[in-house]
Structures are given as structure tokens and as C-alpha cells.
């Protein structure tokens, strides 16, 4: 589904590719930064997110329990623009942001005079109850003050991907893409193919549990330490954090390493919330 966007004003409150190599909406190949994968089982899902940033970017604030409207949300906070790239709430919904870099991003900023941080959009939507509500609120929202982006949404039943670019919003259901979602501003095609190949190798290993294998993949330097490895290292940029979200019928947990995952894992205990469906109040858990 594609919709047209209109004008907007400042908020108060790159592209990934799938393992088939087809890419995302319209077959576009867009450089960006991140590696994201996920696993589902009979009770919920696990989401793993490597965030790659320039070495000059300010450090992010670690995850906290934040209140968005009346909903408890686990989320780190970007150190420069505010907002966040990943958020999980008491309803069992997780949002993960992947920046897009298209020709439209080089155009003049919106009428307001400046772009609004995409991380603020993630926070503004982080009180949604499920994937369907995320899609509905995106459709109703004016997005023209945001640069292009891909927003993945997960609940216990399904996954969706919303892509905003060239003034159009497109939604993909879970059958249209698969883990891992990969992006790189350096030699995109080679980076994507290398990381996809090694993901298959890690997940197909018979001597590892799937979650353990996924964590090992996100911490990996295969084929060698550098721009092609999931734990990325370049002269100008590196993987700055690894976030692991686990959602099941009773609880939402987030573990976060504020460093390259090759040396910053395992982190401290998980921050957690009780699921709101259980009838109990969200609690800070360790």
C-alpha cells in the first residue's frame, strides 16, 4: 500500500536489504547503517539490533523506562537529536528504525526550514498497542518533515515494514522481507552479501541454539574485523551498540551494550516490563 504525504511542521514531542537480494520497495538500493535480525517462537520473539554510527557522534543514553502517554516504554535515547532508534513497550510492541538515504534527502528541507529527527517519530509511535496501530497512525500522520526511513514494527503475532521516501509511504507485510536487514554506507552490495552469507552460516549451525547463534552473529568479525563484518569497524565509523529485545507472553526485556558488541557483551542485567495484558502494572525489573 502506498500513500502520498503532505506538508508538516516541526515535532514537539541507506537502505536495508533482505536475504533474497531483491531489496525493498521498488527494488531500491539505499546506503544506510545497521544490522538487524529477529527470531520467533511459540511464545514471542527476539530482536537483535547493531547500531552503526560515525565515531564523532555523541554517545547515546542507555535504555530507561520511559512513559509515552500512558504506556511504559523501554528505549535508549540518541545523544544528539533525542528520540530513539529502538523502543519496546508493555504491550509487546517493538519499533526499530533504519535510516534511508535517497535523492529526496538532498533536496531542500521542508517549509519549516529544517528536518525533524526520525528518532522522535519512533518515540511518538512507541505507545502503539500493535503493528496495525503503527500502520494506521503512520497513514494519518504528515511525514514530509522527515528524511526517508524504514520503520520495522514487531508484535507477538506479526512483523511489518513501513518505508517513507519520495513523498510516499509503503507498507510491507512479514511475507515480503526476512532477517537479516542490512545496511551500509560503504560498498553496500558487498557488505550486504557478506553479512547475509554469514548469517545463514551462523543460524544453520547445528551445535548452537538459535538465540545464541544470533548473538554470536551480531558480535562477529567474519570474514574479518572491518567494514564487512556485522560488528563493524571503519576509520570513520563503528558499531556503537547492540540491543537485544525479548518479548513473550508475560514480560518484555531489553539488554543493551553501549559499545562495540565484540568487547561490550554481555552487558548488565536486562531492563524489563511486565506485559500489560497480564493485568499487573509495568515494573522496572533487573
C-alpha atoms as a PDB file:
ATOM      1  CA  UNK A   1       0.000   0.000   0.000  1.00  0.00           C
ATOM      2  CA  UNK A   2       1.337   3.418  -0.973  1.00  0.00           C
ATOM      3  CA  UNK A   3       0.080   6.784   0.228  1.00  0.00           C
ATOM      4  CA  UNK A   4       1.077  10.351  -0.555  1.00  0.00           C
ATOM      5  CA  UNK A   5       2.413  12.688   2.116  1.00  0.00           C
ATOM      6  CA  UNK A   6       1.664  16.383   2.695  1.00  0.00           C
ATOM      7  CA  UNK A   7       3.407  19.225   4.478  1.00  0.00           C
ATOM      8  CA  UNK A   8       4.213  19.207   8.164  1.00  0.00           C
ATOM      9  CA  UNK A   9       5.680  21.347  10.903  1.00  0.00           C
ATOM     10  CA  UNK A  10       8.406  20.542  13.432  1.00  0.00           C
ATOM     11  CA  UNK A  11       7.508  17.945  16.055  1.00  0.00           C
ATOM     12  CA  UNK A  12       7.210  18.943  19.666  1.00  0.00           C
ATOM     13  CA  UNK A  13       7.346  15.841  21.139  1.00  0.00           C
ATOM     14  CA  UNK A  14      20.815   3.658   3.500  1.00  0.00           C
ATOM     15  CA  UNK A  15      18.589   1.059   2.925  1.00  0.00           C
ATOM     16  CA  UNK A  16      18.273  -2.422   4.315  1.00  0.00           C
ATOM     17  CA  UNK A  17      18.067  -5.383   2.031  1.00  0.00           C
ATOM     18  CA  UNK A  18      16.578  -8.821   2.570  1.00  0.00           C
ATOM     19  CA  UNK A  19      18.388 -12.166   2.217  1.00  0.00           C
ATOM     20  CA  UNK A  20      16.917 -12.794  -1.235  1.00  0.00           C
ATOM     21  CA  UNK A  21      18.910  -9.860  -2.561  1.00  0.00           C
ATOM     22  CA  UNK A  22      15.828  -8.272  -4.066  1.00  0.00           C
ATOM     23  CA  UNK A  23      15.958  -5.264  -1.788  1.00  0.00           C
ATOM     24  CA  UNK A  24      12.944  -3.351  -0.560  1.00  0.00           C
ATOM     25  CA  UNK A  25      10.098  -1.334  -2.131  1.00  0.00           C
ATOM     26  CA  UNK A  26      10.699  -0.672  -5.804  1.00  0.00           C
ATOM     27  CA  UNK A  27      13.944  -2.663  -5.764  1.00  0.00           C
ATOM     28  CA  UNK A  28      15.852   0.344  -4.413  1.00  0.00           C
ATOM     29  CA  UNK A  29      19.345   0.010  -3.032  1.00  0.00           C
ATOM     30  CA  UNK A  30      19.954   2.728  -0.485  1.00  0.00           C
ATOM     31  CA  UNK A  31      23.047   3.056   1.703  1.00  0.00           C
ATOM     32  CA  UNK A  32      22.471   3.322   5.445  1.00  0.00           C
ATOM     33  CA  UNK A  33      23.775   1.900   8.696  1.00  0.00           C
ATOM     34  CA  UNK A  34      22.718  -1.103  10.820  1.00  0.00           C
ATOM     35  CA  UNK A  35      22.302  -4.850  11.056  1.00  0.00           C
ATOM     36  CA  UNK A  36      19.021  -6.203  12.419  1.00  0.00           C
ATOM     37  CA  UNK A  37      17.743  -9.745  12.775  1.00  0.00           C
ATOM     38  CA  UNK A  38      14.924 -11.451  14.637  1.00  0.00           C
ATOM     39  CA  UNK A  39      13.653 -14.875  15.639  1.00  0.00           C
ATOM     40  CA  UNK A  40      10.158 -16.044  16.502  1.00  0.00           C
ATOM     41  CA  UNK A  41       8.996 -18.969  18.623  1.00  0.00           C
ATOM     42  CA  UNK A  42       5.699 -20.169  20.063  1.00  0.00           C
ATOM     43  CA  UNK A  43       5.587 -17.530  22.811  1.00  0.00           C
ATOM     44  CA  UNK A  44       7.026 -14.385  21.250  1.00  0.00           C
ATOM     45  CA  UNK A  45      10.127 -13.057  19.520  1.00  0.00           C
ATOM     46  CA  UNK A  46      13.741 -11.959  19.940  1.00  0.00           C
ATOM     47  CA  UNK A  47      15.063  -8.865  18.126  1.00  0.00           C
ATOM     48  CA  UNK A  48      18.768  -8.052  17.722  1.00  0.00           C
ATOM     49  CA  UNK A  49      19.979  -4.655  16.527  1.00  0.00           C
ATOM     50  CA  UNK A  50      23.532  -3.460  15.829  1.00  0.00           C
ATOM     51  CA  UNK A  51      23.652   0.325  15.573  1.00  0.00           C
ATOM     52  CA  UNK A  52      26.498   1.722  13.427  1.00  0.00           C
ATOM     53  CA  UNK A  53      27.437   5.392  13.740  1.00  0.00           C
ATOM     54  CA  UNK A  54      30.243   7.813  12.993  1.00  0.00           C
ATOM     55  CA  UNK A  55      32.924   7.948  15.651  1.00  0.00           C
ATOM     56  CA  UNK A  56      32.282  11.666  16.092  1.00  0.00           C
ATOM     57  CA  UNK A  57      28.628  11.185  17.129  1.00  0.00           C
ATOM     58  CA  UNK A  58      27.762  11.805  20.768  1.00  0.00           C
ATOM     59  CA  UNK A  59      27.145   8.751  22.937  1.00  0.00           C
ATOM     60  CA  UNK A  60      23.561   7.643  23.392  1.00  0.00           C
ATOM     61  CA  UNK A  61      21.883   7.426  26.782  1.00  0.00           C
ATOM     62  CA  UNK A  62      21.257   3.793  27.818  1.00  0.00           C
ATOM     63  CA  UNK A  63      17.714   2.394  27.929  1.00  0.00           C
ATOM     64  CA  UNK A  64      15.335   3.586  30.613  1.00  0.00           C
ATOM     65  CA  UNK A  65      11.685   3.007  31.389  1.00  0.00           C
ATOM     66  CA  UNK A  66      10.006   5.985  29.783  1.00  0.00           C
ATOM     67  CA  UNK A  67       6.348   6.992  29.855  1.00  0.00           C
ATOM     68  CA  UNK A  68       4.762   7.809  26.484  1.00  0.00           C
ATOM     69  CA  UNK A  69       1.208   9.000  27.079  1.00  0.00           C
ATOM     70  CA  UNK A  70       0.033   6.203  29.427  1.00  0.00           C
ATOM     71  CA  UNK A  71       2.334   3.452  28.117  1.00  0.00           C
ATOM     72  CA  UNK A  72       5.572   2.217  29.675  1.00  0.00           C
ATOM     73  CA  UNK A  73       8.367   2.043  27.079  1.00  0.00           C
ATOM     74  CA  UNK A  74      11.934   0.720  27.185  1.00  0.00           C
ATOM     75  CA  UNK A  75      14.213   2.813  24.969  1.00  0.00           C
ATOM     76  CA  UNK A  76      17.719   4.287  24.750  1.00  0.00           C
ATOM     77  CA  UNK A  77      17.997   7.943  23.722  1.00  0.00           C
ATOM     78  CA  UNK A  78      20.093   9.404  20.923  1.00  0.00           C
ATOM     79  CA  UNK A  79      22.783  11.695  22.331  1.00  0.00           C
ATOM     80  CA  UNK A  80      22.485  14.366  19.644  1.00  0.00           C
ATOM     81  CA  UNK A  81      18.954  14.597  18.276  1.00  0.00           C
ATOM     82  CA  UNK A  82      16.956  12.982  21.060  1.00  0.00           C
ATOM     83  CA  UNK A  83      14.416  10.346  20.192  1.00  0.00           C
ATOM     84  CA  UNK A  84      15.492   6.751  19.703  1.00  0.00           C
ATOM     85  CA  UNK A  85      16.193   4.099  17.080  1.00  0.00           C
ATOM     86  CA  UNK A  86      14.591   1.243  19.042  1.00  0.00           C
ATOM     87  CA  UNK A  87      11.727   1.081  21.544  1.00  0.00           C
ATOM     88  CA  UNK A  88       9.786  -1.777  23.165  1.00  0.00           C
ATOM     89  CA  UNK A  89       6.620  -1.258  25.194  1.00  0.00           C
ATOM     90  CA  UNK A  90       4.462  -3.045  27.748  1.00  0.00           C
ATOM     91  CA  UNK A  91       2.050  -4.215  25.015  1.00  0.00           C
ATOM     92  CA  UNK A  92       4.816  -6.319  23.470  1.00  0.00           C
ATOM     93  CA  UNK A  93       5.367  -3.986  20.502  1.00  0.00           C
ATOM     94  CA  UNK A  94       8.893  -3.134  19.355  1.00  0.00           C
ATOM     95  CA  UNK A  95       9.829  -0.447  16.808  1.00  0.00           C
ATOM     96  CA  UNK A  96      13.217  -0.329  15.082  1.00  0.00           C
ATOM     97  CA  UNK A  97      14.351   2.494  12.797  1.00  0.00           C
ATOM     98  CA  UNK A  98      16.600   2.216   9.756  1.00  0.00           C
ATOM     99  CA  UNK A  99      17.507   5.459   8.019  1.00  0.00           C
ATOM    100  CA  UNK A 100      17.111   5.741   4.278  1.00  0.00           C
ATOM    101  CA  UNK A 101      19.294   7.939   2.094  1.00  0.00           C
ATOM    102  CA  UNK A 102      17.692   8.876  -1.183  1.00  0.00           C
ATOM    103  CA  UNK A 103      17.885  11.720  -3.656  1.00  0.00           C
ATOM    104  CA  UNK A 104      14.973  13.342  -1.860  1.00  0.00           C
ATOM    105  CA  UNK A 105      17.143  13.737   1.225  1.00  0.00           C
ATOM    106  CA  UNK A 106      19.478  16.032  -0.673  1.00  0.00           C
ATOM    107  CA  UNK A 107      16.596  18.300  -1.614  1.00  0.00           C
ATOM    108  CA  UNK A 108      15.689  21.491   0.237  1.00  0.00           C
ATOM    109  CA  UNK A 109      14.320  20.934   3.748  1.00  0.00           C
ATOM    110  CA  UNK A 110      10.581  21.278   4.377  1.00  0.00           C
ATOM    111  CA  UNK A 111       8.729  24.555   4.740  1.00  0.00           C
ATOM    112  CA  UNK A 112       9.578  24.650   8.434  1.00  0.00           C
ATOM    113  CA  UNK A 113      13.218  25.197   7.454  1.00  0.00           C
ATOM    114  CA  UNK A 114      14.695  22.048   8.983  1.00  0.00           C
ATOM    115  CA  UNK A 115      14.191  18.291   9.108  1.00  0.00           C
ATOM    116  CA  UNK A 116      12.704  16.647  12.185  1.00  0.00           C
ATOM    117  CA  UNK A 117      14.695  13.833  13.764  1.00  0.00           C
ATOM    118  CA  UNK A 118      13.355  10.449  12.714  1.00  0.00           C
ATOM    119  CA  UNK A 119      14.069   9.147  16.197  1.00  0.00           C
ATOM    120  CA  UNK A 120      11.333  11.416  17.520  1.00  0.00           C
ATOM    121  CA  UNK A 121       8.855   9.647  15.276  1.00  0.00           C
ATOM    122  CA  UNK A 122       9.812   6.335  16.878  1.00  0.00           C
ATOM    123  CA  UNK A 123       9.119   7.746  20.342  1.00  0.00           C
ATOM    124  CA  UNK A 124       5.851   9.314  19.209  1.00  0.00           C
ATOM    125  CA  UNK A 125       4.625   5.911  17.980  1.00  0.00           C
ATOM    126  CA  UNK A 126       6.064   3.857  20.831  1.00  0.00           C
ATOM    127  CA  UNK A 127       2.765   3.773  22.756  1.00  0.00           C
ATOM    128  CA  UNK A 128       1.011   1.831  19.953  1.00  0.00           C
ATOM    129  CA  UNK A 129      -0.587  -1.433  21.000  1.00  0.00           C
ATOM    130  CA  UNK A 130       0.261  -3.484  17.907  1.00  0.00           C
ATOM    131  CA  UNK A 131       1.560  -3.473  14.327  1.00  0.00           C
ATOM    132  CA  UNK A 132      -1.812  -2.478  12.917  1.00  0.00           C
ATOM    133  CA  UNK A 133      -1.996   0.658  15.033  1.00  0.00           C
ATOM    134  CA  UNK A 134       1.509   1.681  13.909  1.00  0.00           C
ATOM    135  CA  UNK A 135       0.429   1.448  10.258  1.00  0.00           C
ATOM    136  CA  UNK A 136      -2.782   3.397  10.878  1.00  0.00           C
ATOM    137  CA  UNK A 137      -1.039   6.205  12.724  1.00  0.00           C
ATOM    138  CA  UNK A 138       1.665   6.474  10.083  1.00  0.00           C
ATOM    139  CA  UNK A 139      -1.011   6.756   7.394  1.00  0.00           C
ATOM    140  CA  UNK A 140      -2.731   9.545   9.323  1.00  0.00           C
ATOM    141  CA  UNK A 141       0.485  11.442  10.049  1.00  0.00           C
ATOM    142  CA  UNK A 142       2.144  14.129   7.949  1.00  0.00           C
ATOM    143  CA  UNK A 143       5.645  12.784   7.251  1.00  0.00           C
ATOM    144  CA  UNK A 144       7.123  15.396   4.939  1.00  0.00           C
ATOM    145  CA  UNK A 145       9.360  16.887   7.636  1.00  0.00           C
ATOM    146  CA  UNK A 146      11.220  13.561   7.952  1.00  0.00           C
ATOM    147  CA  UNK A 147      14.033  12.330   5.761  1.00  0.00           C
ATOM    148  CA  UNK A 148      13.496   8.897   4.218  1.00  0.00           C
ATOM    149  CA  UNK A 149      13.308   5.952   6.605  1.00  0.00           C
ATOM    150  CA  UNK A 150      12.329   2.323   7.099  1.00  0.00           C
ATOM    151  CA  UNK A 151      10.430   1.519  10.300  1.00  0.00           C
ATOM    152  CA  UNK A 152      10.113  -2.134  11.325  1.00  0.00           C
ATOM    153  CA  UNK A 153       7.339  -2.996  13.796  1.00  0.00           C
ATOM    154  CA  UNK A 154       7.043  -6.275  15.727  1.00  0.00           C
ATOM    155  CA  UNK A 155       4.291  -7.629  17.946  1.00  0.00           C
ATOM    156  CA  UNK A 156       3.758 -11.169  19.187  1.00  0.00           C
ATOM    157  CA  UNK A 157       1.835 -12.142  16.056  1.00  0.00           C
ATOM    158  CA  UNK A 158       3.411 -10.391  13.096  1.00  0.00           C
ATOM    159  CA  UNK A 159       6.026  -8.040  11.663  1.00  0.00           C
ATOM    160  CA  UNK A 160       5.659  -5.140   9.246  1.00  0.00           C
ATOM    161  CA  UNK A 161       7.931  -2.671   7.497  1.00  0.00           C
ATOM    162  CA  UNK A 162       6.931   0.891   6.616  1.00  0.00           C
ATOM    163  CA  UNK A 163       9.097   2.732   4.079  1.00  0.00           C
ATOM    164  CA  UNK A 164       8.895   6.511   3.602  1.00  0.00           C
ATOM    165  CA  UNK A 165      10.615   8.009   0.563  1.00  0.00           C
ATOM    166  CA  UNK A 166       9.930  10.405  -2.284  1.00  0.00           C
ATOM    167  CA  UNK A 167       6.781  11.615  -0.534  1.00  0.00           C
ATOM    168  CA  UNK A 168       5.256   8.121  -0.452  1.00  0.00           C
ATOM    169  CA  UNK A 169       4.599   5.681   2.376  1.00  0.00           C
ATOM    170  CA  UNK A 170       4.634   1.976   1.565  1.00  0.00           C
ATOM    171  CA  UNK A 171       3.833  -0.936   3.883  1.00  0.00           C
ATOM    172  CA  UNK A 172       5.249  -4.450   3.563  1.00  0.00           C
ATOM    173  CA  UNK A 173       3.922  -7.433   5.487  1.00  0.00           C
ATOM    174  CA  UNK A 174       6.068 -10.117   7.065  1.00  0.00           C
ATOM    175  CA  UNK A 175       5.980 -12.319   3.975  1.00  0.00           C
ATOM    176  CA  UNK A 176       7.775  -9.678   1.907  1.00  0.00           C
ATOM    177  CA  UNK A 177      11.064  -9.497   3.805  1.00  0.00           C
ATOM    178  CA  UNK A 178      13.203 -11.588   6.118  1.00  0.00           C
ATOM    179  CA  UNK A 179      16.134 -11.390   8.512  1.00  0.00           C
ATOM    180  CA  UNK A 180      18.706 -10.051   8.417  1.00  0.00           C
ATOM    181  CA  UNK A 181      18.044  -6.489   7.376  1.00  0.00           C
ATOM    182  CA  UNK A 182      21.391  -4.982   6.488  1.00  0.00           C
ATOM    183  CA  UNK A 183      22.633  -1.562   5.503  1.00  0.00           C
ATOM    184  CA  UNK A 184      25.953   0.131   4.970  1.00  0.00           C
ATOM    185  CA  UNK A 185      27.163   3.466   3.629  1.00  0.00           C
ATOM    186  CA  UNK A 186      30.327   1.707   2.449  1.00  0.00           C
ATOM    187  CA  UNK A 187      30.350  -0.718  -0.510  1.00  0.00           C
ATOM    188  CA  UNK A 188      26.723  -1.581   0.122  1.00  0.00           C
ATOM    189  CA  UNK A 189      26.256  -4.577  -2.155  1.00  0.00           C
ATOM    190  CA  UNK A 190      29.390  -6.373  -0.954  1.00  0.00           C
ATOM    191  CA  UNK A 191      28.652  -5.633   2.709  1.00  0.00           C
ATOM    192  CA  UNK A 192      25.069  -6.865   2.386  1.00  0.00           C
ATOM    193  CA  UNK A 193      26.014 -10.076   0.606  1.00  0.00           C
ATOM    194  CA  UNK A 194      28.827 -10.839   3.058  1.00  0.00           C
ATOM    195  CA  UNK A 195      26.616 -10.322   6.109  1.00  0.00           C
ATOM    196  CA  UNK A 196      23.747 -12.346   4.619  1.00  0.00           C
ATOM    197  CA  UNK A 197      26.072 -15.241   3.856  1.00  0.00           C
ATOM    198  CA  UNK A 198      27.487 -15.332   7.370  1.00  0.00           C
ATOM    199  CA  UNK A 199      24.024 -15.022   8.913  1.00  0.00           C
ATOM    200  CA  UNK A 200      22.976 -18.210   7.148  1.00  0.00           C
ATOM    201  CA  UNK A 201      26.113 -19.945   8.364  1.00  0.00           C
ATOM    202  CA  UNK A 202      25.525 -18.945  11.986  1.00  0.00           C
ATOM    203  CA  UNK A 203      21.821 -19.826  12.042  1.00  0.00           C
ATOM    204  CA  UNK A 204      22.290 -23.123  10.234  1.00  0.00           C
ATOM    205  CA  UNK A 205      24.951 -24.309  12.687  1.00  0.00           C
ATOM    206  CA  UNK A 206      23.601 -27.433  14.366  1.00  0.00           C
ATOM    207  CA  UNK A 207      25.658 -27.023  17.555  1.00  0.00           C
ATOM    208  CA  UNK A 208      24.084 -23.694  18.620  1.00  0.00           C
ATOM    209  CA  UNK A 209      20.717 -22.646  19.991  1.00  0.00           C
ATOM    210  CA  UNK A 210      19.147 -20.077  17.672  1.00  0.00           C
ATOM    211  CA  UNK A 211      19.314 -17.128  20.089  1.00  0.00           C
ATOM    212  CA  UNK A 212      22.913 -17.925  20.976  1.00  0.00           C
ATOM    213  CA  UNK A 213      23.745 -18.163  17.278  1.00  0.00           C
ATOM    214  CA  UNK A 214      22.089 -14.817  16.530  1.00  0.00           C
ATOM    215  CA  UNK A 215      24.007 -13.088  19.318  1.00  0.00           C
ATOM    216  CA  UNK A 216      27.243 -14.650  18.084  1.00  0.00           C
ATOM    217  CA  UNK A 217      26.462 -13.364  14.583  1.00  0.00           C
ATOM    218  CA  UNK A 218      25.910  -9.782  15.768  1.00  0.00           C
ATOM    219  CA  UNK A 219      29.200  -9.880  17.682  1.00  0.00           C
ATOM    220  CA  UNK A 220      31.092 -11.461  14.805  1.00  0.00           C
ATOM    221  CA  UNK A 221      34.076 -10.118  12.850  1.00  0.00           C
ATOM    222  CA  UNK A 222      33.618 -12.576   9.998  1.00  0.00           C
ATOM    223  CA  UNK A 223      35.084 -12.584   7.426  1.00  0.00           C
ATOM    224  CA  UNK A 224      37.483 -10.280   9.296  1.00  0.00           C
ATOM    225  CA  UNK A 225      37.342  -7.245  11.571  1.00  0.00           C
ATOM    226  CA  UNK A 226      36.398  -4.313   9.334  1.00  0.00           C
ATOM    227  CA  UNK A 227      33.604  -2.729   7.285  1.00  0.00           C
ATOM    228  CA  UNK A 228      32.107  -6.042   6.098  1.00  0.00           C
ATOM    229  CA  UNK A 229      31.635  -7.726   9.469  1.00  0.00           C
ATOM    230  CA  UNK A 230      28.345  -7.488  11.439  1.00  0.00           C
ATOM    231  CA  UNK A 231      30.325  -5.913  14.305  1.00  0.00           C
ATOM    232  CA  UNK A 232      31.608  -3.159  12.032  1.00  0.00           C
ATOM    233  CA  UNK A 233      34.855  -1.202  12.355  1.00  0.00           C
ATOM    234  CA  UNK A 234      35.978   1.551   9.962  1.00  0.00           C
ATOM    235  CA  UNK A 235      38.272   4.521  10.396  1.00  0.00           C
ATOM    236  CA  UNK A 236      35.286   6.903  10.443  1.00  0.00           C
ATOM    237  CA  UNK A 237      32.563   4.699  11.966  1.00  0.00           C
ATOM    238  CA  UNK A 238      31.910   1.603  14.028  1.00  0.00           C
ATOM    239  CA  UNK A 239      29.169  -0.463  15.625  1.00  0.00           C
ATOM    240  CA  UNK A 240      28.411   1.546  18.756  1.00  0.00           C
ATOM    241  CA  UNK A 241      25.812  -0.668  20.436  1.00  0.00           C
ATOM    242  CA  UNK A 242      23.954  -3.974  20.395  1.00  0.00           C
ATOM    243  CA  UNK A 243      20.369  -4.160  21.660  1.00  0.00           C
ATOM    244  CA  UNK A 244      18.550  -7.433  22.350  1.00  0.00           C
ATOM    245  CA  UNK A 245      14.791  -7.337  22.934  1.00  0.00           C
ATOM    246  CA  UNK A 246      12.930 -10.426  24.140  1.00  0.00           C
ATOM    247  CA  UNK A 247       9.126 -10.381  24.199  1.00  0.00           C
ATOM    248  CA  UNK A 248       6.969 -13.265  25.462  1.00  0.00           C
ATOM    249  CA  UNK A 249       3.508 -13.634  26.966  1.00  0.00           C
ATOM    250  CA  UNK A 250       4.496 -12.279  30.369  1.00  0.00           C
ATOM    251  CA  UNK A 251       7.386  -9.862  30.020  1.00  0.00           C
ATOM    252  CA  UNK A 252       9.365  -7.501  27.783  1.00  0.00           C
ATOM    253  CA  UNK A 253      13.134  -7.449  28.305  1.00  0.00           C
ATOM    254  CA  UNK A 254      15.843  -5.248  26.821  1.00  0.00           C
ATOM    255  CA  UNK A 255      19.576  -5.846  27.144  1.00  0.00           C
ATOM    256  CA  UNK A 256      21.890  -3.173  25.819  1.00  0.00           C
ATOM    257  CA  UNK A 257      25.632  -2.919  25.262  1.00  0.00           C
ATOM    258  CA  UNK A 258      26.811   0.712  24.806  1.00  0.00           C
ATOM    259  CA  UNK A 259      29.945  -0.355  22.937  1.00  0.00           C
ATOM    260  CA  UNK A 260      31.087  -2.481  20.034  1.00  0.00           C
ATOM    261  CA  UNK A 261      29.478  -5.870  20.755  1.00  0.00           C
ATOM    262  CA  UNK A 262      32.801  -7.666  20.208  1.00  0.00           C
ATOM    263  CA  UNK A 263      34.003  -6.199  23.507  1.00  0.00           C
ATOM    264  CA  UNK A 264      30.870  -4.914  25.258  1.00  0.00           C
ATOM    265  CA  UNK A 265      28.943  -8.181  25.601  1.00  0.00           C
ATOM    266  CA  UNK A 266      27.500  -9.481  27.832  1.00  0.00           C
ATOM    267  CA  UNK A 267      26.153  -6.270  29.341  1.00  0.00           C
ATOM    268  CA  UNK A 268      24.480  -5.910  32.709  1.00  0.00           C
ATOM    269  CA  UNK A 269      21.129  -7.499  33.596  1.00  0.00           C
ATOM    270  CA  UNK A 270      18.091  -6.869  31.430  1.00  0.00           C
ATOM    271  CA  UNK A 271      15.741  -3.979  31.984  1.00  0.00           C
ATOM    272  CA  UNK A 272      12.197  -5.326  31.902  1.00  0.00           C
ATOM    273  CA  UNK A 273       8.480  -4.596  31.937  1.00  0.00           C
ATOM    274  CA  UNK A 274       5.537  -6.785  32.837  1.00  0.00           C
ATOM    275  CA  UNK A 275       3.205  -7.269  29.878  1.00  0.00           C
ATOM    276  CA  UNK A 276       0.116  -5.109  30.317  1.00  0.00           C
ATOM    277  CA  UNK A 277      -2.161  -7.993  29.287  1.00  0.00           C
ATOM    278  CA  UNK A 278      -1.187  -9.848  32.444  1.00  0.00           C
ATOM    279  CA  UNK A 279      -3.192  -7.360  34.489  1.00  0.00           C
ATOM    280  CA  UNK A 280      -0.230  -6.169  36.553  1.00  0.00           C
ATOM    281  CA  UNK A 281       1.380  -2.764  36.455  1.00  0.00           C
ATOM    282  CA  UNK A 282       4.620  -2.329  34.460  1.00  0.00           C
ATOM    283  CA  UNK A 283       7.584  -2.710  36.794  1.00  0.00           C
ATOM    284  CA  UNK A 284      11.257  -1.951  36.498  1.00  0.00           C
ATOM    285  CA  UNK A 285      12.977  -5.332  36.548  1.00  0.00           C
ATOM    286  CA  UNK A 286      16.579  -6.397  36.654  1.00  0.00           C
END
